[in-house]
């Protein structure tokens, strides 16, 4: 399944481990791809050589959009290219 690929800062997580979707790189990617965030939306989040799939939620506590991710499923982009090349 093709999900929009959006920049996220993996060092900017809230207390629940969700990535905050408020940094400038995220905002630029959302704008460039004309994406409006909504609850339950699936995205692929990346930063440099890392990426992970995430589920968008609105954080009422911080009044910002966040993404729930599985920290154990973060993958390197290099790995993805190697797997694709072998197929």
C-alpha atoms as a PDB file:
ATOM      1  CA  UNK A   1       0.000   0.000   0.000  1.00  0.00           C
ATOM      2  CA  UNK A   2       1.390   3.385  -0.993  1.00  0.00           C
ATOM      3  CA  UNK A   3       1.263   5.884   1.866  1.00  0.00           C
ATOM      4  CA  UNK A   4       2.316   9.514   1.662  1.00  0.00           C
ATOM      5  CA  UNK A   5       5.957   9.838   2.767  1.00  0.00           C
ATOM      6  CA  UNK A   6       6.376  12.721   5.213  1.00  0.00           C
ATOM      7  CA  UNK A   7       9.421  14.007   7.101  1.00  0.00           C
ATOM      8  CA  UNK A   8       9.321  13.598  10.905  1.00  0.00           C
ATOM      9  CA  UNK A   9      11.859  14.302  13.622  1.00  0.00           C
ATOM     10  CA  UNK A  10      12.405  10.976  15.409  1.00  0.00           C
ATOM     11  CA  UNK A  11      13.887  12.898  18.377  1.00  0.00           C
ATOM     12  CA  UNK A  12      10.660  14.862  18.878  1.00  0.00           C
ATOM     13  CA  UNK A  13       8.313  12.364  20.512  1.00  0.00           C
ATOM     14  CA  UNK A  14       5.757  13.091  23.202  1.00  0.00           C
ATOM     15  CA  UNK A  15       5.525  11.291  26.561  1.00  0.00           C
ATOM     16  CA  UNK A  16       3.473   8.516  24.922  1.00  0.00           C
ATOM     17  CA  UNK A  17       6.140   7.900  22.274  1.00  0.00           C
ATOM     18  CA  UNK A  18       4.161   9.479  19.439  1.00  0.00           C
ATOM     19  CA  UNK A  19       6.056  11.558  16.893  1.00  0.00           C
ATOM     20  CA  UNK A  20       5.029  15.204  16.844  1.00  0.00           C
ATOM     21  CA  UNK A  21       4.160  16.310  13.319  1.00  0.00           C
ATOM     22  CA  UNK A  22       4.987  19.956  13.866  1.00  0.00           C
ATOM     23  CA  UNK A  23       8.545  20.502  12.627  1.00  0.00           C
ATOM     24  CA  UNK A  24       9.297  22.607   9.561  1.00  0.00           C
ATOM     25  CA  UNK A  25      10.275  19.609   7.399  1.00  0.00           C
ATOM     26  CA  UNK A  26       6.939  17.955   8.159  1.00  0.00           C
ATOM     27  CA  UNK A  27       4.994  21.110   7.403  1.00  0.00           C
ATOM     28  CA  UNK A  28       6.890  21.567   4.116  1.00  0.00           C
ATOM     29  CA  UNK A  29       6.220  17.956   3.012  1.00  0.00           C
ATOM     30  CA  UNK A  30       2.530  18.230   3.901  1.00  0.00           C
ATOM     31  CA  UNK A  31       2.240  21.488   1.987  1.00  0.00           C
ATOM     32  CA  UNK A  32       4.171  20.243  -1.052  1.00  0.00           C
ATOM     33  CA  UNK A  33       2.003  17.111  -1.257  1.00  0.00           C
ATOM     34  CA  UNK A  34      -1.184  19.047  -0.394  1.00  0.00           C
ATOM     35  CA  UNK A  35      -2.012  16.750   2.530  1.00  0.00           C
ATOM     36  CA  UNK A  36      -4.356  17.752   5.323  1.00  0.00           C
ATOM     37  CA  UNK A  37      -3.905  15.555   8.374  1.00  0.00           C
ATOM     38  CA  UNK A  38      -6.869  13.677   9.830  1.00  0.00           C
ATOM     39  CA  UNK A  39      -7.380  11.124  12.592  1.00  0.00           C
ATOM     40  CA  UNK A  40      -6.691   7.569  11.453  1.00  0.00           C
ATOM     41  CA  UNK A  41      -4.651   8.572   8.413  1.00  0.00           C
ATOM     42  CA  UNK A  42      -1.704   6.296   7.562  1.00  0.00           C
ATOM     43  CA  UNK A  43       1.654   7.828   6.638  1.00  0.00           C
ATOM     44  CA  UNK A  44       5.200   6.699   6.101  1.00  0.00           C
ATOM     45  CA  UNK A  45       7.421   8.923   8.234  1.00  0.00           C
ATOM     46  CA  UNK A  46      11.095   9.398   7.425  1.00  0.00           C
ATOM     47  CA  UNK A  47      14.181  11.158   8.724  1.00  0.00           C
ATOM     48  CA  UNK A  48      17.519  10.836   6.968  1.00  0.00           C
ATOM     49  CA  UNK A  49      18.020   7.065   6.508  1.00  0.00           C
ATOM     50  CA  UNK A  50      15.145   5.934   8.783  1.00  0.00           C
ATOM     51  CA  UNK A  51      11.470   5.413   8.074  1.00  0.00           C
ATOM     52  CA  UNK A  52       8.426   3.893   9.764  1.00  0.00           C
ATOM     53  CA  UNK A  53       4.692   3.656   9.161  1.00  0.00           C
ATOM     54  CA  UNK A  54       2.502   5.694  11.482  1.00  0.00           C
ATOM     55  CA  UNK A  55      -1.113   6.406  12.352  1.00  0.00           C
ATOM     56  CA  UNK A  56      -2.103  10.077  12.653  1.00  0.00           C
ATOM     57  CA  UNK A  57      -3.933  11.369  15.736  1.00  0.00           C
ATOM     58  CA  UNK A  58      -4.699  14.802  17.088  1.00  0.00           C
ATOM     59  CA  UNK A  59      -3.198  15.408  20.524  1.00  0.00           C
ATOM     60  CA  UNK A  60      -5.721  17.413  22.518  1.00  0.00           C
ATOM     61  CA  UNK A  61      -3.173  17.849  25.321  1.00  0.00           C
ATOM     62  CA  UNK A  62      -0.640  19.589  23.067  1.00  0.00           C
ATOM     63  CA  UNK A  63      -3.039  20.852  20.396  1.00  0.00           C
ATOM     64  CA  UNK A  64      -0.907  19.350  17.596  1.00  0.00           C
ATOM     65  CA  UNK A  65      -0.953  16.399  15.206  1.00  0.00           C
ATOM     66  CA  UNK A  66       1.083  13.351  16.210  1.00  0.00           C
ATOM     67  CA  UNK A  67       1.711   9.898  14.759  1.00  0.00           C
ATOM     68  CA  UNK A  68       1.633   6.644  16.679  1.00  0.00           C
ATOM     69  CA  UNK A  69       4.462   4.387  15.531  1.00  0.00           C
ATOM     70  CA  UNK A  70       5.914   1.038  16.498  1.00  0.00           C
ATOM     71  CA  UNK A  71       9.463   1.930  17.548  1.00  0.00           C
ATOM     72  CA  UNK A  72      10.520  -1.683  16.936  1.00  0.00           C
ATOM     73  CA  UNK A  73       9.495  -1.423  13.261  1.00  0.00           C
ATOM     74  CA  UNK A  74      11.717   1.496  12.287  1.00  0.00           C
ATOM     75  CA  UNK A  75      13.661   0.469   9.211  1.00  0.00           C
ATOM     76  CA  UNK A  76      16.576   1.919   7.333  1.00  0.00           C
ATOM     77  CA  UNK A  77      15.942   3.159   3.841  1.00  0.00           C
ATOM     78  CA  UNK A  78      19.055   1.256   2.705  1.00  0.00           C
ATOM     79  CA  UNK A  79      17.399  -1.998   3.780  1.00  0.00           C
ATOM     80  CA  UNK A  80      14.318  -1.181   1.711  1.00  0.00           C
ATOM     81  CA  UNK A  81      16.422  -0.521  -1.406  1.00  0.00           C
ATOM     82  CA  UNK A  82      18.349  -3.783  -0.955  1.00  0.00           C
ATOM     83  CA  UNK A  83      15.109  -5.774  -0.562  1.00  0.00           C
ATOM     84  CA  UNK A  84      13.572  -4.114  -3.645  1.00  0.00           C
ATOM     85  CA  UNK A  85      16.705  -4.819  -5.695  1.00  0.00           C
ATOM     86  CA  UNK A  86      16.589  -8.524  -4.774  1.00  0.00           C
ATOM     87  CA  UNK A  87      12.959  -8.834  -5.882  1.00  0.00           C
END
